[in-house]
Every structure is written in structure tokens, then in C-alpha cells.
Amino acid sequence: MPLYLEDVDINTELEGAGSVLIVPCRMCPATSLSLRKNMPFFKFFKSLFRSPALDEYIENLRTGLRERGIDTGVYFSRQFLTCAWTSRERNRLRKQAEPYDTVIVLGCNSATESVRDALGSSGAKVIQGMQVSGIVNVKVRFHLPGTLLLEDHKIISMSHHKKQEGMSGRVEG
């Protein structure tokens, strides 16, 4: 159940930043960007478990930051879901983030919380670069020679509460 994420304007939060580490979750942002850009989710033989749409997004973000005179880096976790990192992965991020004064998280609120938790009292400013706007319902298709495509998608809103039949008056979201 990937979350559908949209961009957040982070320009004002970046004021005063000298160096930024970009920390992407590898699931929900990749799903959202693949759907938005109509690009493959993964191309297994070109870059194992790396999304072309997410890679392009990150490169564009880095270019914009460099044009503002901000040094950048990217932390690609060995683990797929930022919201479910192990202590070892959090420690690995903390070490890599040491030279940066700002961290941009490309992921949901839970991913951002994982990063904040990992950085502890390091002093780095944590900025959430995306926000949740729904849940993705999608059909996944494998296309030879090793491309994973997302098709027939729907974005299910999370903002509406509907009463479901047979629930004895309980409201479910």
C-alpha cells in the first residue's frame, strides 16, 4: 500500500542552509514519481532497485540546490522503507549526515520521523520534502527484459471519512 506523495515548497526552510543531504525513501516517492512522470518503477538490469523517476527527481533537486550555492549529497539506504529502518541503518545515516547542516527527507511523515530519530541531537535541520495526499492503488506489470511498470492506478483520498455498510455505525477512513 504505497502512499501517494506530492512535493512541498521547501524554499523558505532552506534559507541559510550551506549543505544538504537528501534522504529518499525508496518506495512511496518512487511510486508517486513513476506514476506522475509515466516512467517505469524499476529497471532491474540498469540499476537494481533504483527508480529512474526518483533518480531524475533527486538530480533535479540537487541541481537547483547547487545553483543556490548549497553543497549536496544523497543517502540511499540499503533498506527499502525508511519508516522501517533498523537501528544499524539509522546509525549509518547519522554518520553520513555529520557534515551536513540540513537534511531533506523525500517520504512521508513516518520516514521523516525515522530520520529525525536517527539524527538525534546532531543539530541538523530536518525538512520534509513531500507530503501524503492519498494511497496508491495500482496494477504492477513486469515487462521483459526486466522493467517493472505501474499501470491503471488510482489515488485513494485519505481526507474523506465514509461510513461503511455493515459497520454498526462505526466510521472508517
C-alpha atoms as a PDB file:
ATOM      1  CA  MET A   1       0.000   0.000   0.000  1.00  0.00           C
ATOM      2  CA  PRO A   2       2.239   2.833  -1.156  1.00  0.00           C
ATOM      3  CA  LEU A   3       1.319   6.339  -0.154  1.00  0.00           C
ATOM      4  CA  TYR A   4       0.878   8.968  -2.839  1.00  0.00           C
ATOM      5  CA  LEU A   5       3.207  11.878  -2.162  1.00  0.00           C
ATOM      6  CA  GLU A   6       3.235  15.394  -3.577  1.00  0.00           C
ATOM      7  CA  ASP A   7       6.013  17.979  -3.489  1.00  0.00           C
ATOM      8  CA  VAL A   8       6.246  20.546  -0.719  1.00  0.00           C
ATOM      9  CA  ASP A   9       7.670  24.025  -1.292  1.00  0.00           C
ATOM     10  CA  ILE A  10      10.751  23.983   0.932  1.00  0.00           C
ATOM     11  CA  ASN A  11      12.420  27.181  -0.298  1.00  0.00           C
ATOM     12  CA  THR A  12      11.839  29.210   2.878  1.00  0.00           C
ATOM     13  CA  GLU A  13      13.026  26.326   5.075  1.00  0.00           C
ATOM     14  CA  LEU A  14      16.262  26.156   3.062  1.00  0.00           C
ATOM     15  CA  GLU A  15      17.247  29.746   3.853  1.00  0.00           C
ATOM     16  CA  GLY A  16      20.659  29.722   5.490  1.00  0.00           C
ATOM     17  CA  ALA A  17      21.454  26.134   4.507  1.00  0.00           C
ATOM     18  CA  GLY A  18      25.024  25.559   3.384  1.00  0.00           C
ATOM     19  CA  SER A  19      24.903  21.827   2.873  1.00  0.00           C
ATOM     20  CA  VAL A  20      22.018  19.435   2.307  1.00  0.00           C
ATOM     21  CA  LEU A  21      21.812  15.668   2.495  1.00  0.00           C
ATOM     22  CA  ILE A  22      18.841  14.269   0.555  1.00  0.00           C
ATOM     23  CA  VAL A  23      17.360  11.135   2.122  1.00  0.00           C
ATOM     24  CA  PRO A  24      14.789   9.425  -0.099  1.00  0.00           C
ATOM     25  CA  CYS A  25      12.557   6.563   0.882  1.00  0.00           C
ATOM     26  CA  ARG A  26      12.774   4.067  -1.937  1.00  0.00           C
ATOM     27  CA  MET A  27       9.105   3.050  -2.036  1.00  0.00           C
ATOM     28  CA  CYS A  28       6.429   5.740  -1.855  1.00  0.00           C
ATOM     29  CA  PRO A  29       8.337   8.605  -3.538  1.00  0.00           C
ATOM     30  CA  ALA A  30       9.444   6.221  -6.300  1.00  0.00           C
ATOM     31  CA  THR A  31       5.874   5.019  -6.793  1.00  0.00           C
ATOM     32  CA  SER A  32       4.430   8.542  -6.812  1.00  0.00           C
ATOM     33  CA  LEU A  33       7.033   9.940  -9.192  1.00  0.00           C
ATOM     34  CA  SER A  34       6.823   6.937 -11.531  1.00  0.00           C
ATOM     35  CA  LEU A  35       3.078   7.452 -11.835  1.00  0.00           C
ATOM     36  CA  ARG A  36       3.321  11.218 -12.174  1.00  0.00           C
ATOM     37  CA  LYS A  37       6.025  11.056 -14.858  1.00  0.00           C
ATOM     38  CA  ASN A  38       4.689   7.911 -16.541  1.00  0.00           C
ATOM     39  CA  MET A  39       8.066   6.220 -16.115  1.00  0.00           C
ATOM     40  CA  PRO A  40       8.998   2.652 -15.126  1.00  0.00           C
ATOM     41  CA  PHE A  41       9.074   1.886 -11.414  1.00  0.00           C
ATOM     42  CA  PHE A  42      12.320  -0.118 -11.723  1.00  0.00           C
ATOM     43  CA  LYS A  43      14.672  -1.277 -14.436  1.00  0.00           C
ATOM     44  CA  PHE A  44      16.350  -4.244 -12.791  1.00  0.00           C
ATOM     45  CA  PHE A  45      19.325  -4.598 -15.131  1.00  0.00           C
ATOM     46  CA  LYS A  46      20.147  -0.886 -15.320  1.00  0.00           C
ATOM     47  CA  SER A  47      20.081  -0.094 -11.620  1.00  0.00           C
ATOM     48  CA  LEU A  48      18.911  -2.713  -9.185  1.00  0.00           C
ATOM     49  CA  PHE A  49      16.104  -1.373  -7.010  1.00  0.00           C
ATOM     50  CA  ARG A  50      16.574   2.228  -8.127  1.00  0.00           C
ATOM     51  CA  SER A  51      13.694   4.122  -9.666  1.00  0.00           C
ATOM     52  CA  PRO A  52      14.503   6.157 -12.799  1.00  0.00           C
ATOM     53  CA  ALA A  53      11.814   8.710 -11.863  1.00  0.00           C
ATOM     54  CA  LEU A  54      13.170   9.123  -8.318  1.00  0.00           C
ATOM     55  CA  ASP A  55      16.761   9.365  -9.574  1.00  0.00           C
ATOM     56  CA  GLU A  56      15.730  12.092 -12.041  1.00  0.00           C
ATOM     57  CA  TYR A  57      13.831  13.975  -9.322  1.00  0.00           C
ATOM     58  CA  ILE A  58      16.808  13.855  -6.970  1.00  0.00           C
ATOM     59  CA  GLU A  59      19.204  15.038  -9.678  1.00  0.00           C
ATOM     60  CA  ASN A  60      16.922  17.987 -10.490  1.00  0.00           C
ATOM     61  CA  LEU A  61      16.681  18.845  -6.787  1.00  0.00           C
ATOM     62  CA  ARG A  62      20.475  18.690  -6.421  1.00  0.00           C
ATOM     63  CA  THR A  63      20.959  20.904  -9.482  1.00  0.00           C
ATOM     64  CA  GLY A  64      18.612  23.540  -8.056  1.00  0.00           C
ATOM     65  CA  LEU A  65      20.378  23.455  -4.693  1.00  0.00           C
ATOM     66  CA  ARG A  66      23.839  23.718  -6.273  1.00  0.00           C
ATOM     67  CA  GLU A  67      22.663  26.727  -8.293  1.00  0.00           C
ATOM     68  CA  ARG A  68      21.867  28.362  -4.937  1.00  0.00           C
ATOM     69  CA  GLY A  69      25.407  27.586  -3.733  1.00  0.00           C
ATOM     70  CA  ILE A  70      24.359  24.699  -1.485  1.00  0.00           C
ATOM     71  CA  ASP A  71      26.536  21.590  -1.328  1.00  0.00           C
ATOM     72  CA  THR A  72      24.532  18.373  -1.683  1.00  0.00           C
ATOM     73  CA  GLY A  73      24.749  14.679  -1.046  1.00  0.00           C
ATOM     74  CA  VAL A  74      22.340  11.765  -1.262  1.00  0.00           C
ATOM     75  CA  TYR A  75      21.871   8.940   1.199  1.00  0.00           C
ATOM     76  CA  PHE A  76      20.432   5.813  -0.431  1.00  0.00           C
ATOM     77  CA  SER A  77      19.594   3.382   2.320  1.00  0.00           C
ATOM     78  CA  ARG A  78      20.305  -0.299   1.953  1.00  0.00           C
ATOM     79  CA  GLN A  79      16.809  -0.832   3.314  1.00  0.00           C
ATOM     80  CA  PHE A  80      13.775  -0.170   1.179  1.00  0.00           C
ATOM     81  CA  LEU A  81      11.306   1.509   3.570  1.00  0.00           C
ATOM     82  CA  THR A  82      12.610   4.489   5.529  1.00  0.00           C
ATOM     83  CA  CYS A  83       9.744   4.139   8.003  1.00  0.00           C
ATOM     84  CA  ALA A  84      11.025   0.673   8.978  1.00  0.00           C
ATOM     85  CA  TRP A  85      14.787   1.150   9.295  1.00  0.00           C
ATOM     86  CA  THR A  86      16.804  -0.921  11.714  1.00  0.00           C
ATOM     87  CA  SER A  87      18.977   0.681  14.396  1.00  0.00           C
ATOM     88  CA  ARG A  88      22.010  -0.192  12.307  1.00  0.00           C
ATOM     89  CA  GLU A  89      20.659   1.735   9.296  1.00  0.00           C
ATOM     90  CA  ARG A  90      19.797   4.732  11.487  1.00  0.00           C
ATOM     91  CA  ASN A  91      23.352   4.748  12.839  1.00  0.00           C
ATOM     92  CA  ARG A  92      24.708   4.568   9.296  1.00  0.00           C
ATOM     93  CA  LEU A  93      22.635   7.634   8.327  1.00  0.00           C
ATOM     94  CA  ARG A  94      23.750   9.556  11.421  1.00  0.00           C
ATOM     95  CA  LYS A  95      27.402   9.051  10.462  1.00  0.00           C
ATOM     96  CA  GLN A  96      26.884  10.045   6.835  1.00  0.00           C
ATOM     97  CA  ALA A  97      24.840  13.120   7.817  1.00  0.00           C
ATOM     98  CA  GLU A  98      27.528  14.576  10.119  1.00  0.00           C
ATOM     99  CA  PRO A  99      28.972  17.090   7.624  1.00  0.00           C
ATOM    100  CA  TYR A 100      25.543  18.417   6.571  1.00  0.00           C
ATOM    101  CA  ASP A 101      23.588  21.177   8.301  1.00  0.00           C
ATOM    102  CA  THR A 102      20.267  20.264   6.651  1.00  0.00           C
ATOM    103  CA  VAL A 103      18.573  17.007   5.674  1.00  0.00           C
ATOM    104  CA  ILE A 104      15.697  16.839   3.191  1.00  0.00           C
ATOM    105  CA  VAL A 105      13.537  13.741   3.543  1.00  0.00           C
ATOM    106  CA  LEU A 106      11.698  12.567   0.451  1.00  0.00           C
ATOM    107  CA  GLY A 107       8.995  10.499   2.068  1.00  0.00           C
ATOM    108  CA  CYS A 108       6.013  10.535   4.392  1.00  0.00           C
ATOM    109  CA  ASN A 109       5.727  11.788   7.974  1.00  0.00           C
ATOM    110  CA  SER A 110       6.882   8.421   9.276  1.00  0.00           C
ATOM    111  CA  ALA A 111      10.000   8.490   7.074  1.00  0.00           C
ATOM    112  CA  THR A 112      10.755  11.972   8.380  1.00  0.00           C
ATOM    113  CA  GLU A 113      10.330  10.756  11.953  1.00  0.00           C
ATOM    114  CA  SER A 114      12.756   7.881  11.279  1.00  0.00           C
ATOM    115  CA  VAL A 115      15.349  10.380  10.028  1.00  0.00           C
ATOM    116  CA  ARG A 116      14.788  12.743  12.988  1.00  0.00           C
ATOM    117  CA  ASP A 117      15.177   9.797  15.337  1.00  0.00           C
ATOM    118  CA  ALA A 118      18.372   8.692  13.602  1.00  0.00           C
ATOM    119  CA  LEU A 119      19.921  12.165  13.736  1.00  0.00           C
ATOM    120  CA  GLY A 120      19.019  12.687  17.379  1.00  0.00           C
ATOM    121  CA  SER A 121      20.662  15.818  18.740  1.00  0.00           C
ATOM    122  CA  SER A 122      23.060  16.259  15.817  1.00  0.00           C
ATOM    123  CA  GLY A 123      21.812  19.781  15.188  1.00  0.00           C
ATOM    124  CA  ALA A 124      20.930  19.152  11.541  1.00  0.00           C
ATOM    125  CA  LYS A 125      17.676  20.720  10.413  1.00  0.00           C
ATOM    126  CA  VAL A 126      15.260  18.102   9.046  1.00  0.00           C
ATOM    127  CA  ILE A 127      12.900  19.190   6.258  1.00  0.00           C
ATOM    128  CA  GLN A 128      10.091  17.037   4.898  1.00  0.00           C
ATOM    129  CA  GLY A 129      10.168  17.493   1.118  1.00  0.00           C
ATOM    130  CA  MET A 130       6.953  15.633   0.305  1.00  0.00           C
ATOM    131  CA  GLN A 131       3.520  15.248   1.844  1.00  0.00           C
ATOM    132  CA  VAL A 132       0.934  12.494   1.756  1.00  0.00           C
ATOM    133  CA  SER A 133      -2.166  13.153  -0.324  1.00  0.00           C
ATOM    134  CA  GLY A 134      -3.558   9.645  -0.705  1.00  0.00           C
ATOM    135  CA  ILE A 135      -2.960   5.938  -1.060  1.00  0.00           C
ATOM    136  CA  VAL A 136      -1.985   4.363  -4.367  1.00  0.00           C
ATOM    137  CA  ASN A 137      -3.987   1.512  -5.848  1.00  0.00           C
ATOM    138  CA  VAL A 138      -2.088   0.195  -8.846  1.00  0.00           C
ATOM    139  CA  LYS A 139      -1.503  -2.831 -11.040  1.00  0.00           C
ATOM    140  CA  VAL A 140       2.120  -3.919 -11.320  1.00  0.00           C
ATOM    141  CA  ARG A 141       3.355  -5.436 -14.564  1.00  0.00           C
ATOM    142  CA  PHE A 142       6.702  -7.000 -15.356  1.00  0.00           C
ATOM    143  CA  HIS A 143       7.949  -6.221 -18.841  1.00  0.00           C
ATOM    144  CA  LEU A 144      10.924  -8.024 -20.359  1.00  0.00           C
ATOM    145  CA  PRO A 145      13.850  -7.523 -20.155  1.00  0.00           C
ATOM    146  CA  GLY A 146      13.451  -6.562 -16.508  1.00  0.00           C
ATOM    147  CA  THR A 147      11.268  -3.482 -16.191  1.00  0.00           C
ATOM    148  CA  LEU A 148       8.609  -3.123 -13.534  1.00  0.00           C
ATOM    149  CA  LEU A 149       5.723  -0.916 -14.706  1.00  0.00           C
ATOM    150  CA  LEU A 150       2.833   0.584 -12.743  1.00  0.00           C
ATOM    151  CA  GLU A 151      -0.478   0.701 -14.594  1.00  0.00           C
ATOM    152  CA  ASP A 152      -4.157   1.507 -14.102  1.00  0.00           C
ATOM    153  CA  HIS A 153      -3.535   3.483 -10.961  1.00  0.00           C
ATOM    154  CA  LYS A 154      -5.969   5.266  -8.693  1.00  0.00           C
ATOM    155  CA  ILE A 155      -5.166   7.676  -5.916  1.00  0.00           C
ATOM    156  CA  ILE A 156      -7.433   6.975  -2.966  1.00  0.00           C
ATOM    157  CA  SER A 157      -8.007  10.085  -0.857  1.00  0.00           C
ATOM    158  CA  MET A 158      -7.283   9.863   2.837  1.00  0.00           C
ATOM    159  CA  SER A 159      -9.109  13.067   3.714  1.00  0.00           C
ATOM    160  CA  HIS A 160     -12.681  11.789   3.451  1.00  0.00           C
ATOM    161  CA  HIS A 161     -14.339   9.690   6.127  1.00  0.00           C
ATOM    162  CA  LYS A 162     -17.105   7.493   4.832  1.00  0.00           C
ATOM    163  CA  LYS A 163     -19.475   5.312   6.751  1.00  0.00           C
ATOM    164  CA  GLN A 164     -19.064   1.759   5.527  1.00  0.00           C
ATOM    165  CA  GLU A 165     -22.066  -0.516   5.305  1.00  0.00           C
ATOM    166  CA  GLY A 166     -22.368  -3.227   7.903  1.00  0.00           C
ATOM    167  CA  MET A 167     -20.149  -1.435  10.402  1.00  0.00           C
ATOM    168  CA  SER A 168     -22.838  -0.758  13.041  1.00  0.00           C
ATOM    169  CA  GLY A 169     -22.458   2.985  12.801  1.00  0.00           C
ATOM    170  CA  ARG A 170     -18.664   2.970  13.094  1.00  0.00           C
ATOM    171  CA  VAL A 171     -16.923   5.456  10.835  1.00  0.00           C
ATOM    172  CA  GLU A 172     -13.910   4.144   8.966  1.00  0.00           C
ATOM    173  CA  GLY A 173     -11.477   6.260   6.962  1.00  0.00           C
END
